PDB file of N, CA and C in Angstrom:
ATOM      1  N   MET A   1    -245.664-249.099 -51.662  1.00  0.00           N
ATOM      2  CA  MET A   1    -245.582-249.850 -51.843  1.00  0.00           C
ATOM      3  C   MET A   1    -244.052-250.290 -52.489  1.00  0.00           C
ATOM      4  N   ALA A   2    -243.524-251.321 -52.762  1.00  0.00           N
ATOM      5  CA  ALA A   2    -242.522-252.220 -53.575  1.00  0.00           C
ATOM      6  C   ALA A   2    -243.169-251.937 -55.009  1.00  0.00           C
ATOM      7  N   PRO A   3    -242.183-251.615 -55.805  1.00  0.00           N
ATOM      8  CA  PRO A   3    -242.304-251.815 -57.025  1.00  0.00           C
ATOM      9  C   PRO A   3    -242.746-252.396 -57.502  1.00  0.00           C
ATOM     10  N   GLU A   4    -241.763-253.816 -57.385  1.00  0.00           N
ATOM     11  CA  GLU A   4    -241.804-255.628 -56.645  1.00  0.00           C
ATOM     12  C   GLU A   4    -243.029-256.013 -56.424  1.00  0.00           C
ATOM     13  N   ARG A   5    -243.405-255.303 -55.480  1.00  0.00           N
ATOM     14  CA  ARG A   5    -245.434-255.989 -55.225  1.00  0.00           C
ATOM     15  C   ARG A   5    -246.013-255.396 -56.365  1.00  0.00           C
ATOM     16  N   MET A   6    -245.908-254.234 -56.944  1.00  0.00           N
ATOM     17  CA  MET A   6    -246.919-253.278 -58.173  1.00  0.00           C
ATOM     18  C   MET A   6    -247.699-254.854 -58.700  1.00  0.00           C
ATOM     19  N   PRO A   7    -248.535-254.230 -58.651  1.00  0.00           N
ATOM     20  CA  PRO A   7    -250.294-254.527 -60.028  1.00  0.00           C
ATOM     21  C   PRO A   7    -249.150-254.424 -61.304  1.00  0.00           C
ATOM     22  N   THR A   8    -249.148-255.174 -62.121  1.00  0.00           N
ATOM     23  CA  THR A   8    -248.119-255.205 -64.036  1.00  0.00           C
ATOM     24  C   THR A   8    -249.252-253.334 -63.885  1.00  0.00           C
ATOM     25  N   ASP A   9    -250.284-252.783 -63.575  1.00  0.00           N
ATOM     26  CA  ASP A   9    -251.140-251.732 -64.698  1.00  0.00           C
ATOM     27  C   ASP A   9    -250.560-250.744 -63.629  1.00  0.00           C
ATOM     28  N   GLN A  10    -250.036-250.969 -62.439  1.00  0.00           N
ATOM     29  CA  GLN A  10    -249.654-249.886 -61.656  1.00  0.00           C
ATOM     30  C   GLN A  10    -249.052-249.473 -61.661  1.00  0.00           C
ATOM     31  N   LEU A  11    -247.540-250.384 -61.863  1.00  0.00           N
ATOM     32  CA  LEU A  11    -246.074-250.206 -62.470  1.00  0.00           C
ATOM     33  C   LEU A  11    -245.946-249.463 -63.740  1.00  0.00           C
ATOM     34  N   LEU A  12    -247.191-249.746 -65.001  1.00  0.00           N
ATOM     35  CA  LEU A  12    -246.558-248.784 -65.478  1.00  0.00           C
ATOM     36  C   LEU A  12    -247.497-247.561 -65.257  1.00  0.00           C
ATOM     37  N   THR A  13    -248.277-247.291 -64.953  1.00  0.00           N
ATOM     38  CA  THR A  13    -248.317-246.153 -64.137  1.00  0.00           C
ATOM     39  C   THR A  13    -247.744-244.920 -63.778  1.00  0.00           C
ATOM     40  N   VAL A  14    -246.724-245.575 -62.588  1.00  0.00           N
ATOM     41  CA  VAL A  14    -245.867-245.259 -62.124  1.00  0.00           C
ATOM     42  C   VAL A  14    -244.786-244.377 -63.428  1.00  0.00           C
ATOM     43  N   LEU A  15    -244.391-245.738 -64.001  1.00  0.00           N
ATOM     44  CA  LEU A  15    -243.151-245.275 -64.970  1.00  0.00           C
ATOM     45  C   LEU A  15    -243.549-244.171 -66.063  1.00  0.00           C
ATOM     46  N   LYS A  16    -244.736-244.649 -66.771  1.00  0.00           N
ATOM     47  CA  LYS A  16    -245.410-242.607 -66.873  1.00  0.00           C
ATOM     48  C   LYS A  16    -245.355-241.092 -66.762  1.00  0.00           C
ATOM     49  N   GLY A  17    -245.190-241.794 -64.921  1.00  0.00           N
ATOM     50  CA  GLY A  17    -245.355-239.857 -64.963  1.00  0.00           C
ATOM     51  C   GLY A  17    -243.765-240.211 -64.873  1.00  0.00           C
ATOM     52  N   TYR A  18    -242.753-241.741 -64.316  1.00  0.00           N
ATOM     53  CA  TYR A  18    -241.897-240.922 -64.240  1.00  0.00           C
ATOM     54  C   TYR A  18    -241.156-240.108 -65.830  1.00  0.00           C
ATOM     55  N   ASN A  19    -241.930-240.409 -66.420  1.00  0.00           N
ATOM     56  CA  ASN A  19    -241.416-239.745 -68.360  1.00  0.00           C
ATOM     57  C   ASN A  19    -241.835-238.872 -67.929  1.00  0.00           C
ATOM     58  N   THR A  20    -243.471-238.391 -67.739  1.00  0.00           N
ATOM     59  CA  THR A  20    -243.496-237.265 -67.936  1.00  0.00           C
ATOM     60  C   THR A  20    -243.128-235.985 -67.055  1.00  0.00           C
ATOM     61  N   ALA A  21    -242.611-236.657 -64.938  1.00  0.00           N
ATOM     62  CA  ALA A  21    -241.335-235.746 -64.536  1.00  0.00           C
ATOM     63  C   ALA A  21    -240.298-235.368 -65.705  1.00  0.00           C
ATOM     64  N   GLY A  22    -240.053-236.527 -66.609  1.00  0.00           N
ATOM     65  CA  GLY A  22    -239.079-235.630 -66.852  1.00  0.00           C
ATOM     66  C   GLY A  22    -238.361-235.072 -67.842  1.00  0.00           C
ATOM     67  N   GLU A  23    -240.344-235.565 -68.344  1.00  0.00           N
ATOM     68  CA  GLU A  23    -240.060-234.791 -70.179  1.00  0.00           C
ATOM     69  C   GLU A  23    -239.855-233.655 -68.358  1.00  0.00           C
ATOM     70  N   ARG A  24    -241.019-232.560 -67.805  1.00  0.00           N
ATOM     71  CA  ARG A  24    -240.862-231.766 -66.937  1.00  0.00           C
ATOM     72  C   ARG A  24    -239.685-230.699 -66.886  1.00  0.00           C
ATOM     73  N   VAL A  25    -238.714-231.703 -66.437  1.00  0.00           N
ATOM     74  CA  VAL A  25    -236.979-231.431 -65.862  1.00  0.00           C
ATOM     75  C   VAL A  25    -236.685-230.939 -67.363  1.00  0.00           C
ATOM     76  N   ASP A  26    -236.409-231.853 -68.019  1.00  0.00           N
ATOM     77  CA  ASP A  26    -235.906-230.952 -68.988  1.00  0.00           C
ATOM     78  C   ASP A  26    -236.376-229.536 -69.334  1.00  0.00           C
ATOM     79  N   GLN A  27    -237.691-230.539 -69.713  1.00  0.00           N
ATOM     80  CA  GLN A  27    -237.788-227.839 -69.956  1.00  0.00           C
ATOM     81  C   GLN A  27    -237.185-227.138 -69.414  1.00  0.00           C
ATOM     82  N   ALA A  28    -237.691-227.668 -68.285  1.00  0.00           N
ATOM     83  CA  ALA A  28    -237.435-226.373 -67.479  1.00  0.00           C
ATOM     84  C   ALA A  28    -236.090-225.982 -67.282  1.00  0.00           C
ATOM     85  N   MET A  29    -235.050-226.996 -67.187  1.00  0.00           N
ATOM     86  CA  MET A  29    -233.698-226.625 -68.072  1.00  0.00           C
ATOM     87  C   MET A  29    -232.810-226.382 -68.616  1.00  0.00           C
ATOM     88  N   GLN A  30    -234.257-226.732 -70.135  1.00  0.00           N
ATOM     89  CA  GLN A  30    -233.809-225.948 -71.068  1.00  0.00           C
ATOM     90  C   GLN A  30    -234.209-224.235 -70.961  1.00  0.00           C
ATOM     91  N   HIS A  31    -234.907-224.432 -69.759  1.00  0.00           N
ATOM     92  CA  HIS A  31    -235.577-222.480 -70.088  1.00  0.00           C
ATOM     93  C   HIS A  31    -233.783-221.864 -69.619  1.00  0.00           C
ATOM     94  N   VAL A  32    -234.373-221.999 -68.219  1.00  0.00           N
ATOM     95  CA  VAL A  32    -232.816-221.726 -67.566  1.00  0.00           C
ATOM     96  C   VAL A  32    -232.179-221.247 -67.931  1.00  0.00           C
ATOM     97  N   ALA A  33    -231.955-222.079 -68.671  1.00  0.00           N
ATOM     98  CA  ALA A  33    -230.189-222.630 -70.102  1.00  0.00           C
ATOM     99  C   ALA A  33    -230.747-220.984 -70.676  1.00  0.00           C
ATOM    100  N   ASP A  34    -231.521-221.166 -71.258  1.00  0.00           N
ATOM    101  CA  ASP A  34    -231.852-219.727 -71.785  1.00  0.00           C
ATOM    102  C   ASP A  34    -232.238-218.496 -71.965  1.00  0.00           C
ATOM    103  N   ILE A  35    -232.500-218.497 -70.223  1.00  0.00           N
ATOM    104  CA  ILE A  35    -231.838-217.226 -69.225  1.00  0.00           C
ATOM    105  C   ILE A  35    -230.654-217.137 -69.447  1.00  0.00           C
ATOM    106  N   LEU A  36    -229.926-218.077 -68.831  1.00  0.00           N
ATOM    107  CA  LEU A  36    -228.365-217.753 -68.298  1.00  0.00           C
ATOM    108  C   LEU A  36    -227.377-217.513 -69.635  1.00  0.00           C
ATOM    109  N   ARG A  37    -228.289-217.763 -70.447  1.00  0.00           N
ATOM    110  CA  ARG A  37    -227.479-217.253 -71.962  1.00  0.00           C
ATOM    111  C   ARG A  37    -228.115-215.902 -72.372  1.00  0.00           C
ATOM    112  N   GLU A  38    -229.588-215.875 -72.344  1.00  0.00           N
ATOM    113  CA  GLU A  38    -229.124-214.000 -72.388  1.00  0.00           C
ATOM    114  C   GLU A  38    -229.003-213.444 -72.096  1.00  0.00           C
ATOM    115  N   ARG A  39    -228.252-213.974 -70.061  1.00  0.00           N
ATOM    116  CA  ARG A  39    -227.405-213.299 -69.088  1.00  0.00           C
ATOM    117  C   ARG A  39    -226.657-213.099 -70.070  1.00  0.00           C
ATOM    118  N   HIS A  40    -225.866-213.964 -70.477  1.00  0.00           N
ATOM    119  CA  HIS A  40    -224.518-213.797 -71.641  1.00  0.00           C
ATOM    120  C   HIS A  40    -223.292-214.513 -70.761  1.00  0.00           C
ATOM    121  N   VAL A  41    -224.152-215.446 -70.050  1.00  0.00           N
ATOM    122  CA  VAL A  41    -223.835-216.598 -68.905  1.00  0.00           C
ATOM    123  C   VAL A  41    -223.169-217.635 -70.058  1.00  0.00           C
ATOM    124  N   SER A  42    -221.404-217.976 -70.114  1.00  0.00           N
ATOM    125  CA  SER A  42    -220.845-218.568 -70.866  1.00  0.00           C
ATOM    126  C   SER A  42    -221.234-220.704 -71.034  1.00  0.00           C
ATOM    127  N   TRP A  43    -221.130-220.690 -72.347  1.00  0.00           N
ATOM    128  CA  TRP A  43    -221.009-222.044 -71.594  1.00  0.00           C
ATOM    129  C   TRP A  43    -219.798-223.057 -71.483  1.00  0.00           C
ATOM    130  N   ALA A  44    -219.312-222.571 -71.092  1.00  0.00           N
ATOM    131  CA  ALA A  44    -218.177-222.913 -70.119  1.00  0.00           C
ATOM    132  C   ALA A  44    -219.061-222.979 -68.267  1.00  0.00           C
ATOM    133  N   ALA A  45    -218.504-222.138 -68.546  1.00  0.00           N
ATOM    134  CA  ALA A  45    -220.283-222.112 -66.662  1.00  0.00           C
ATOM    135  C   ALA A  45    -221.473-223.165 -66.169  1.00  0.00           C
ATOM    136  N   ILE A  46    -221.443-223.019 -67.371  1.00  0.00           N
ATOM    137  CA  ILE A  46    -223.296-223.434 -67.284  1.00  0.00           C
ATOM    138  C   ILE A  46    -222.233-225.244 -66.798  1.00  0.00           C
ATOM    139  N   GLY A  47    -222.134-225.473 -67.825  1.00  0.00           N
ATOM    140  CA  GLY A  47    -221.452-226.525 -68.477  1.00  0.00           C
ATOM    141  C   GLY A  47    -220.487-227.219 -67.110  1.00  0.00           C
ATOM    142  N   GLU A  48    -219.604-225.887 -66.196  1.00  0.00           N
ATOM    143  CA  GLU A  48    -219.067-226.657 -65.171  1.00  0.00           C
ATOM    144  C   GLU A  48    -220.612-226.812 -64.467  1.00  0.00           C
ATOM    145  N   THR A  49    -221.112-225.896 -63.930  1.00  0.00           N
ATOM    146  CA  THR A  49    -222.359-226.726 -62.797  1.00  0.00           C
ATOM    147  C   THR A  49    -222.638-227.677 -62.736  1.00  0.00           C
ATOM    148  N   LEU A  50    -223.304-228.296 -64.399  1.00  0.00           N
ATOM    149  CA  LEU A  50    -223.635-229.592 -64.678  1.00  0.00           C
ATOM    150  C   LEU A  50    -222.632-230.278 -64.559  1.00  0.00           C
ATOM    151  N   GLY A  51    -221.437-230.580 -64.902  1.00  0.00           N
ATOM    152  CA  GLY A  51    -220.437-231.127 -64.430  1.00  0.00           C
ATOM    153  C   GLY A  51    -220.375-231.792 -65.232  1.00  0.00           C
ATOM    154  N   VAL A  52    -220.060-231.453 -66.293  1.00  0.00           N
ATOM    155  CA  VAL A  52    -220.037-231.609 -68.352  1.00  0.00           C
ATOM    156  C   VAL A  52    -219.383-230.048 -68.691  1.00  0.00           C
ATOM    157  N   SER A  53    -218.557-230.866 -69.705  1.00  0.00           N
ATOM    158  CA  SER A  53    -217.486-230.038 -70.886  1.00  0.00           C
ATOM    159  C   SER A  53    -218.998-229.037 -71.431  1.00  0.00           C
ATOM    160  N   ARG A  54    -218.417-227.390 -71.810  1.00  0.00           N
ATOM    161  CA  ARG A  54    -218.901-226.545 -71.818  1.00  0.00           C
ATOM    162  C   ARG A  54    -219.427-226.958 -73.293  1.00  0.00           C
ATOM    163  N   GLN A  55    -218.832-227.829 -74.019  1.00  0.00           N
ATOM    164  CA  GLN A  55    -219.001-228.884 -75.639  1.00  0.00           C
ATOM    165  C   GLN A  55    -220.703-229.664 -74.760  1.00  0.00           C
ATOM    166  N   ALA A  56    -219.948-229.931 -74.217  1.00  0.00           N
ATOM    167  CA  ALA A  56    -221.565-231.068 -73.928  1.00  0.00           C
ATOM    168  C   ALA A  56    -222.588-230.389 -73.464  1.00  0.00           C
ATOM    169  N   ALA A  57    -222.961-228.809 -72.764  1.00  0.00           N
ATOM    170  CA  ALA A  57    -223.433-228.103 -71.719  1.00  0.00           C
ATOM    171  C   ALA A  57    -223.744-227.872 -73.555  1.00  0.00           C
ATOM    172  N   TRP A  58    -223.503-227.293 -74.638  1.00  0.00           N
ATOM    173  CA  TRP A  58    -223.655-226.790 -75.522  1.00  0.00           C
ATOM    174  C   TRP A  58    -224.884-227.389 -76.288  1.00  0.00           C
ATOM    175  N   LYS A  59    -224.314-228.929 -76.545  1.00  0.00           N
ATOM    176  CA  LYS A  59    -225.043-229.514 -77.294  1.00  0.00           C
ATOM    177  C   LYS A  59    -226.380-229.975 -77.119  1.00  0.00           C
ATOM    178  N   ARG A  60    -226.035-230.191 -75.485  1.00  0.00           N
ATOM    179  CA  ARG A  60    -227.179-230.349 -74.429  1.00  0.00           C
ATOM    180  C   ARG A  60    -228.767-229.555 -74.718  1.00  0.00           C
ATOM    181  N   PHE A  61    -228.690-228.080 -74.464  1.00  0.00           N
ATOM    182  CA  PHE A  61    -229.360-226.592 -74.547  1.00  0.00           C
ATOM    183  C   PHE A  61    -228.960-225.952 -76.282  1.00  0.00           C
ATOM    184  N   GLY A  62    -227.900-225.982 -75.991  1.00  0.00           N
ATOM    185  CA  GLY A  62    -227.859-224.915 -77.465  1.00  0.00           C
ATOM    186  C   GLY A  62    -228.879-224.963 -78.138  1.00  0.00           C
TER     187      GLY A  62
END
């Protein structure tokens, strides 16, 4: 069903699910970044992979 047609309570549940999914993705990305750093992969390489600067990668995951 299109979101525009969903009842409000159902749409709020959908929104909550998206938020939870986002949190799980953030945790998974942090875990992978931690492993890469343990392997001495540079912040520049991590940033390049994500399409951001090394400083932005460090700020997010460092």
